Amino acid sequence: MYETDKLAKRIKKCAAQKHIQLKDLYSSCGLSKNVTTNLYKGSMLKADNLAKIADQLDVSVDYLLGRTERSEVNKE
């Protein structure tokens, strides 16, 4: 099982690096502004919502989940 608090931290880190506010990120993905809070409480995102966030941040889902340290998206 993936640790949702680590996922929240990676999302926050990536958004900060790209100078994107979390509320704007979630709004552009059609998600609630409470995503980070829910992740810290242990709720996991649905796969399609996680993919939307990864797309907006231009990182891979695997990176957000902590499965790799390479943030690049495989565009093959």
PDB file of N, CA and C in Angstrom:
ATOM      1  N   MET A   1       0.840  -1.187   0.000  1.00  0.00           N
ATOM      2  CA  MET A   1       0.000   0.000   0.000  1.00  0.00           C
ATOM      3  C   MET A   1       0.878   1.240   0.000  1.00  0.00           C
ATOM      4  N   TYR A   2       0.475   2.236  -0.695  1.00  0.00           N
ATOM      5  CA  TYR A   2       1.231   3.479  -0.787  1.00  0.00           C
ATOM      6  C   TYR A   2       0.884   4.387   0.374  1.00  0.00           C
ATOM      7  N   GLU A   3       1.869   5.131   0.834  1.00  0.00           N
ATOM      8  CA  GLU A   3       1.675   6.034   1.960  1.00  0.00           C
ATOM      9  C   GLU A   3       1.140   7.361   1.443  1.00  0.00           C
ATOM     10  N   THR A   4      -0.097   7.659   1.804  1.00  0.00           N
ATOM     11  CA  THR A   4      -0.766   8.833   1.262  1.00  0.00           C
ATOM     12  C   THR A   4      -0.120  10.132   1.739  1.00  0.00           C
ATOM     13  N   ASP A   5       0.479  10.129   2.922  1.00  0.00           N
ATOM     14  CA  ASP A   5       1.134  11.354   3.386  1.00  0.00           C
ATOM     15  C   ASP A   5       2.367  11.666   2.537  1.00  0.00           C
ATOM     16  N   LYS A   6       3.070  10.638   2.089  1.00  0.00           N
ATOM     17  CA  LYS A   6       4.221  10.856   1.214  1.00  0.00           C
ATOM     18  C   LYS A   6       3.772  11.351  -0.152  1.00  0.00           C
ATOM     19  N   LEU A   7       2.635  10.845  -0.624  1.00  0.00           N
ATOM     20  CA  LEU A   7       2.062  11.321  -1.881  1.00  0.00           C
ATOM     21  C   LEU A   7       1.722  12.806  -1.764  1.00  0.00           C
ATOM     22  N   ALA A   8       1.102  13.190  -0.668  1.00  0.00           N
ATOM     23  CA  ALA A   8       0.746  14.600  -0.444  1.00  0.00           C
ATOM     24  C   ALA A   8       2.000  15.474  -0.456  1.00  0.00           C
ATOM     25  N   LYS A   9       3.052  15.012   0.181  1.00  0.00           N
ATOM     26  CA  LYS A   9       4.302  15.780   0.228  1.00  0.00           C
ATOM     27  C   LYS A   9       4.915  15.930  -1.153  1.00  0.00           C
ATOM     28  N   ARG A  10       4.860  14.880  -1.960  1.00  0.00           N
ATOM     29  CA  ARG A  10       5.417  14.967  -3.319  1.00  0.00           C
ATOM     30  C   ARG A  10       4.606  15.929  -4.184  1.00  0.00           C
ATOM     31  N   ILE A  11       3.296  15.876  -4.054  1.00  0.00           N
ATOM     32  CA  ILE A  11       2.451  16.809  -4.814  1.00  0.00           C
ATOM     33  C   ILE A  11       2.780  18.241  -4.419  1.00  0.00           C
ATOM     34  N   LYS A  12       2.871  18.495  -3.113  1.00  0.00           N
ATOM     35  CA  LYS A  12       3.187  19.842  -2.634  1.00  0.00           C
ATOM     36  C   LYS A  12       4.549  20.294  -3.131  1.00  0.00           C
ATOM     37  N   LYS A  13       5.534  19.406  -3.092  1.00  0.00           N
ATOM     38  CA  LYS A  13       6.890  19.729  -3.523  1.00  0.00           C
ATOM     39  C   LYS A  13       6.918  20.076  -5.011  1.00  0.00           C
ATOM     40  N   CYS A  14       6.286  19.250  -5.820  1.00  0.00           N
ATOM     41  CA  CYS A  14       6.268  19.479  -7.270  1.00  0.00           C
ATOM     42  C   CYS A  14       5.544  20.777  -7.614  1.00  0.00           C
ATOM     43  N   ALA A  15       4.435  21.006  -6.957  1.00  0.00           N
ATOM     44  CA  ALA A  15       3.672  22.231  -7.214  1.00  0.00           C
ATOM     45  C   ALA A  15       4.505  23.463  -6.844  1.00  0.00           C
ATOM     46  N   ALA A  16       5.186  23.400  -5.726  1.00  0.00           N
ATOM     47  CA  ALA A  16       6.014  24.533  -5.290  1.00  0.00           C
ATOM     48  C   ALA A  16       7.154  24.777  -6.280  1.00  0.00           C
ATOM     49  N   GLN A  17       7.770  23.715  -6.772  1.00  0.00           N
ATOM     50  CA  GLN A  17       8.860  23.852  -7.733  1.00  0.00           C
ATOM     51  C   GLN A  17       8.397  24.492  -9.026  1.00  0.00           C
ATOM     52  N   LYS A  18       7.141  24.284  -9.366  1.00  0.00           N
ATOM     53  CA  LYS A  18       6.601  24.839 -10.607  1.00  0.00           C
ATOM     54  C   LYS A  18       5.814  26.122 -10.349  1.00  0.00           C
ATOM     55  N   HIS A  19       5.876  26.605  -9.104  1.00  0.00           N
ATOM     56  CA  HIS A  19       5.192  27.842  -8.706  1.00  0.00           C
ATOM     57  C   HIS A  19       3.681  27.773  -8.971  1.00  0.00           C
ATOM     58  N   ILE A  20       3.112  26.629  -8.632  1.00  0.00           N
ATOM     59  CA  ILE A  20       1.672  26.416  -8.776  1.00  0.00           C
ATOM     60  C   ILE A  20       1.079  26.282  -7.383  1.00  0.00           C
ATOM     61  N   GLN A  21       0.052  27.059  -7.093  1.00  0.00           N
ATOM     62  CA  GLN A  21      -0.634  26.923  -5.814  1.00  0.00           C
ATOM     63  C   GLN A  21      -1.512  25.684  -5.849  1.00  0.00           C
ATOM     64  N   LEU A  22      -1.575  24.985  -4.725  1.00  0.00           N
ATOM     65  CA  LEU A  22      -2.346  23.745  -4.672  1.00  0.00           C
ATOM     66  C   LEU A  22      -3.804  23.969  -5.045  1.00  0.00           C
ATOM     67  N   LYS A  23      -4.391  25.044  -4.574  1.00  0.00           N
ATOM     68  CA  LYS A  23      -5.809  25.293  -4.898  1.00  0.00           C
ATOM     69  C   LYS A  23      -6.007  25.443  -6.398  1.00  0.00           C
ATOM     70  N   ASP A  24      -5.033  26.056  -7.076  1.00  0.00           N
ATOM     71  CA  ASP A  24      -5.123  26.206  -8.534  1.00  0.00           C
ATOM     72  C   ASP A  24      -4.901  24.865  -9.237  1.00  0.00           C
ATOM     73  N   LEU A  25      -3.961  24.080  -8.727  1.00  0.00           N
ATOM     74  CA  LEU A  25      -3.710  22.750  -9.276  1.00  0.00           C
ATOM     75  C   LEU A  25      -4.964  21.896  -9.203  1.00  0.00           C
ATOM     76  N   TYR A  26      -5.544  21.819  -8.017  1.00  0.00           N
ATOM     77  CA  TYR A  26      -6.728  20.981  -7.839  1.00  0.00           C
ATOM     78  C   TYR A  26      -7.918  21.498  -8.641  1.00  0.00           C
ATOM     79  N   SER A  27      -8.064  22.808  -8.709  1.00  0.00           N
ATOM     80  CA  SER A  27      -9.156  23.392  -9.484  1.00  0.00           C
ATOM     81  C   SER A  27      -9.017  23.033 -10.970  1.00  0.00           C
ATOM     82  N   SER A  28      -7.793  23.111 -11.497  1.00  0.00           N
ATOM     83  CA  SER A  28      -7.589  22.794 -12.913  1.00  0.00           C
ATOM     84  C   SER A  28      -7.830  21.316 -13.208  1.00  0.00           C
ATOM     85  N   CYS A  29      -7.760  20.493 -12.165  1.00  0.00           N
ATOM     86  CA  CYS A  29      -8.015  19.049 -12.314  1.00  0.00           C
ATOM     87  C   CYS A  29      -9.461  18.698 -11.992  1.00  0.00           C
ATOM     88  N   GLY A  30     -10.249  19.692 -11.611  1.00  0.00           N
ATOM     89  CA  GLY A  30     -11.641  19.446 -11.255  1.00  0.00           C
ATOM     90  C   GLY A  30     -11.796  18.743  -9.915  1.00  0.00           C
ATOM     91  N   LEU A  31     -10.839  18.989  -9.008  1.00  0.00           N
ATOM     92  CA  LEU A  31     -10.845  18.324  -7.706  1.00  0.00           C
ATOM     93  C   LEU A  31     -11.108  19.319  -6.584  1.00  0.00           C
ATOM     94  N   SER A  32     -11.465  18.790  -5.448  1.00  0.00           N
ATOM     95  CA  SER A  32     -11.710  19.590  -4.256  1.00  0.00           C
ATOM     96  C   SER A  32     -10.408  20.184  -3.739  1.00  0.00           C
ATOM     97  N   LYS A  33     -10.509  21.339  -3.112  1.00  0.00           N
ATOM     98  CA  LYS A  33      -9.320  21.957  -2.522  1.00  0.00           C
ATOM     99  C   LYS A  33      -8.822  21.174  -1.305  1.00  0.00           C
ATOM    100  N   ASN A  34      -9.578  20.186  -0.858  1.00  0.00           N
ATOM    101  CA  ASN A  34      -9.235  19.407   0.327  1.00  0.00           C
ATOM    102  C   ASN A  34      -8.430  18.142   0.014  1.00  0.00           C
ATOM    103  N   VAL A  35      -7.913  18.015  -1.190  1.00  0.00           N
ATOM    104  CA  VAL A  35      -7.188  16.806  -1.579  1.00  0.00           C
ATOM    105  C   VAL A  35      -6.022  16.535  -0.634  1.00  0.00           C
ATOM    106  N   THR A  36      -5.206  17.547  -0.364  1.00  0.00           N
ATOM    107  CA  THR A  36      -4.037  17.353   0.498  1.00  0.00           C
ATOM    108  C   THR A  36      -4.457  16.918   1.887  1.00  0.00           C
ATOM    109  N   THR A  37      -5.452  17.561   2.444  1.00  0.00           N
ATOM    110  CA  THR A  37      -5.946  17.197   3.779  1.00  0.00           C
ATOM    111  C   THR A  37      -6.424  15.754   3.798  1.00  0.00           C
ATOM    112  N   ASN A  38      -7.164  15.366   2.778  1.00  0.00           N
ATOM    113  CA  ASN A  38      -7.667  13.999   2.703  1.00  0.00           C
ATOM    114  C   ASN A  38      -6.528  12.980   2.578  1.00  0.00           C
ATOM    115  N   LEU A  39      -5.488  13.336   1.841  1.00  0.00           N
ATOM    116  CA  LEU A  39      -4.342  12.439   1.727  1.00  0.00           C
ATOM    117  C   LEU A  39      -3.656  12.264   3.080  1.00  0.00           C
ATOM    118  N   TYR A  40      -3.495  13.349   3.813  1.00  0.00           N
ATOM    119  CA  TYR A  40      -2.881  13.250   5.143  1.00  0.00           C
ATOM    120  C   TYR A  40      -3.734  12.425   6.098  1.00  0.00           C
ATOM    121  N   LYS A  41      -5.032  12.356   5.831  1.00  0.00           N
ATOM    122  CA  LYS A  41      -5.935  11.553   6.669  1.00  0.00           C
ATOM    123  C   LYS A  41      -5.991  10.094   6.216  1.00  0.00           C
ATOM    124  N   GLY A  42      -5.294   9.757   5.124  1.00  0.00           N
ATOM    125  CA  GLY A  42      -5.224   8.375   4.688  1.00  0.00           C
ATOM    126  C   GLY A  42      -6.068   8.009   3.495  1.00  0.00           C
ATOM    127  N   SER A  43      -6.797   8.962   2.925  1.00  0.00           N
ATOM    128  CA  SER A  43      -7.607   8.668   1.735  1.00  0.00           C
ATOM    129  C   SER A  43      -6.724   8.675   0.494  1.00  0.00           C
ATOM    130  N   MET A  44      -6.901   7.690  -0.374  1.00  0.00           N
ATOM    131  CA  MET A  44      -6.124   7.605  -1.612  1.00  0.00           C
ATOM    132  C   MET A  44      -6.944   8.179  -2.760  1.00  0.00           C
ATOM    133  N   LEU A  45      -6.256   8.822  -3.683  1.00  0.00           N
ATOM    134  CA  LEU A  45      -6.895   9.355  -4.878  1.00  0.00           C
ATOM    135  C   LEU A  45      -7.262   8.223  -5.831  1.00  0.00           C
ATOM    136  N   LYS A  46      -8.300   8.433  -6.606  1.00  0.00           N
ATOM    137  CA  LYS A  46      -8.614   7.509  -7.690  1.00  0.00           C
ATOM    138  C   LYS A  46      -7.526   7.644  -8.741  1.00  0.00           C
ATOM    139  N   ALA A  47      -7.302   6.594  -9.490  1.00  0.00           N
ATOM    140  CA  ALA A  47      -6.229   6.572 -10.488  1.00  0.00           C
ATOM    141  C   ALA A  47      -6.358   7.706 -11.495  1.00  0.00           C
ATOM    142  N   ASP A  48      -7.553   7.981 -11.977  1.00  0.00           N
ATOM    143  CA  ASP A  48      -7.707   9.037 -12.975  1.00  0.00           C
ATOM    144  C   ASP A  48      -7.408  10.414 -12.397  1.00  0.00           C
ATOM    145  N   ASN A  49      -7.732  10.637 -11.124  1.00  0.00           N
ATOM    146  CA  ASN A  49      -7.433  11.918 -10.496  1.00  0.00           C
ATOM    147  C   ASN A  49      -5.932  12.067 -10.245  1.00  0.00           C
ATOM    148  N   LEU A  50      -5.296  10.986  -9.881  1.00  0.00           N
ATOM    149  CA  LEU A  50      -3.854  11.006  -9.693  1.00  0.00           C
ATOM    150  C   LEU A  50      -3.167  11.304 -11.028  1.00  0.00           C
ATOM    151  N   ALA A  51      -3.657  10.718 -12.098  1.00  0.00           N
ATOM    152  CA  ALA A  51      -3.104  10.971 -13.430  1.00  0.00           C
ATOM    153  C   ALA A  51      -3.300  12.429 -13.846  1.00  0.00           C
ATOM    154  N   LYS A  52      -4.435  13.014 -13.527  1.00  0.00           N
ATOM    155  CA  LYS A  52      -4.676  14.426 -13.849  1.00  0.00           C
ATOM    156  C   LYS A  52      -3.659  15.316 -13.144  1.00  0.00           C
ATOM    157  N   ILE A  53      -3.416  15.037 -11.878  1.00  0.00           N
ATOM    158  CA  ILE A  53      -2.443  15.828 -11.113  1.00  0.00           C
ATOM    159  C   ILE A  53      -1.052  15.655 -11.708  1.00  0.00           C
ATOM    160  N   ALA A  54      -0.670  14.423 -12.004  1.00  0.00           N
ATOM    161  CA  ALA A  54       0.645  14.164 -12.600  1.00  0.00           C
ATOM    162  C   ALA A  54       0.783  14.895 -13.931  1.00  0.00           C
ATOM    163  N   ASP A  55      -0.257  14.886 -14.737  1.00  0.00           N
ATOM    164  CA  ASP A  55      -0.218  15.583 -16.027  1.00  0.00           C
ATOM    165  C   ASP A  55      -0.029  17.084 -15.826  1.00  0.00           C
ATOM    166  N   GLN A  56      -0.751  17.663 -14.899  1.00  0.00           N
ATOM    167  CA  GLN A  56      -0.641  19.098 -14.631  1.00  0.00           C
ATOM    168  C   GLN A  56       0.750  19.473 -14.133  1.00  0.00           C
ATOM    169  N   LEU A  57       1.364  18.582 -13.353  1.00  0.00           N
ATOM    170  CA  LEU A  57       2.698  18.842 -12.812  1.00  0.00           C
ATOM    171  C   LEU A  57       3.809  18.376 -13.748  1.00  0.00           C
ATOM    172  N   ASP A  58       3.440  17.703 -14.838  1.00  0.00           N
ATOM    173  CA  ASP A  58       4.375  17.154 -15.815  1.00  0.00           C
ATOM    174  C   ASP A  58       5.394  16.216 -15.159  1.00  0.00           C
ATOM    175  N   VAL A  59       4.870  15.328 -14.319  1.00  0.00           N
ATOM    176  CA  VAL A  59       5.672  14.278 -13.687  1.00  0.00           C
ATOM    177  C   VAL A  59       4.937  12.957 -13.870  1.00  0.00           C
ATOM    178  N   SER A  60       5.629  11.872 -13.599  1.00  0.00           N
ATOM    179  CA  SER A  60       4.974  10.568 -13.737  1.00  0.00           C
ATOM    180  C   SER A  60       4.183  10.218 -12.477  1.00  0.00           C
ATOM    181  N   VAL A  61       3.184   9.407 -12.662  1.00  0.00           N
ATOM    182  CA  VAL A  61       2.405   8.903 -11.526  1.00  0.00           C
ATOM    183  C   VAL A  61       3.321   8.097 -10.604  1.00  0.00           C
ATOM    184  N   ASP A  62       4.221   7.322 -11.200  1.00  0.00           N
ATOM    185  CA  ASP A  62       5.161   6.538 -10.395  1.00  0.00           C
ATOM    186  C   ASP A  62       6.001   7.434  -9.492  1.00  0.00           C
ATOM    187  N   TYR A  63       6.387   8.590  -9.990  1.00  0.00           N
ATOM    188  CA  TYR A  63       7.159   9.521  -9.163  1.00  0.00           C
ATOM    189  C   TYR A  63       6.323  10.012  -7.990  1.00  0.00           C
ATOM    190  N   LEU A  64       5.094  10.409  -8.256  1.00  0.00           N
ATOM    191  CA  LEU A  64       4.235  10.891  -7.169  1.00  0.00           C
ATOM    192  C   LEU A  64       4.007   9.812  -6.116  1.00  0.00           C
ATOM    193  N   LEU A  65       3.886   8.573  -6.568  1.00  0.00           N
ATOM    194  CA  LEU A  65       3.657   7.469  -5.639  1.00  0.00           C
ATOM    195  C   LEU A  65       4.920   7.026  -4.915  1.00  0.00           C
ATOM    196  N   GLY A  66       6.074   7.540  -5.332  1.00  0.00           N
ATOM    197  CA  GLY A  66       7.315   7.168  -4.685  1.00  0.00           C
ATOM    198  C   GLY A  66       7.917   5.876  -5.204  1.00  0.00           C
ATOM    199  N   ARG A  67       7.449   5.417  -6.362  1.00  0.00           N
ATOM    200  CA  ARG A  67       7.968   4.174  -6.953  1.00  0.00           C
ATOM    201  C   ARG A  67       9.276   4.398  -7.686  1.00  0.00           C
ATOM    202  N   THR A  68       9.597   5.665  -7.984  1.00  0.00           N
ATOM    203  CA  THR A  68      10.840   6.025  -8.645  1.00  0.00           C
ATOM    204  C   THR A  68      11.246   7.419  -8.189  1.00  0.00           C
ATOM    205  N   GLU A  69      12.519   7.715  -8.306  1.00  0.00           N
ATOM    206  CA  GLU A  69      13.010   9.052  -7.987  1.00  0.00           C
ATOM    207  C   GLU A  69      13.142   9.903  -9.247  1.00  0.00           C
ATOM    208  N   ARG A  70      12.843   9.298 -10.411  1.00  0.00           N
ATOM    209  CA  ARG A  70      12.883  10.033 -11.676  1.00  0.00           C
ATOM    210  C   ARG A  70      11.496  10.590 -11.964  1.00  0.00           C
ATOM    211  N   SER A  71      11.405  11.898 -12.056  1.00  0.00           N
ATOM    212  CA  SER A  71      10.092  12.521 -12.252  1.00  0.00           C
ATOM    213  C   SER A  71       9.656  12.570 -13.708  1.00  0.00           C
ATOM    214  N   GLU A  72      10.582  12.288 -14.641  1.00  0.00           N
ATOM    215  CA  GLU A  72      10.274  12.408 -16.056  1.00  0.00           C
ATOM    216  C   GLU A  72       9.146  11.479 -16.479  1.00  0.00           C
ATOM    217  N   VAL A  73       8.339  11.983 -17.369  1.00  0.00           N
ATOM    218  CA  VAL A  73       7.244  11.203 -17.925  1.00  0.00           C
ATOM    219  C   VAL A  73       7.780  10.409 -19.107  1.00  0.00           C
ATOM    220  N   ASN A  74       7.462   9.132 -19.169  1.00  0.00           N
ATOM    221  CA  ASN A  74       7.872   8.291 -20.283  1.00  0.00           C
ATOM    222  C   ASN A  74       6.920   8.559 -21.447  1.00  0.00           C
ATOM    223  N   LYS A  75       7.418   9.227 -22.471  1.00  0.00           N
ATOM    224  CA  LYS A  75       6.564   9.646 -23.592  1.00  0.00           C
ATOM    225  C   LYS A  75       6.788   8.818 -24.836  1.00  0.00           C
ATOM    226  N   GLU A  76       7.195   7.595 -24.679  1.00  0.00           N
ATOM    227  CA  GLU A  76       7.422   6.719 -25.821  1.00  0.00           C
ATOM    228  C   GLU A  76       6.137   6.208 -26.400  1.00  0.00           C
TER     229      GLU A  76
END
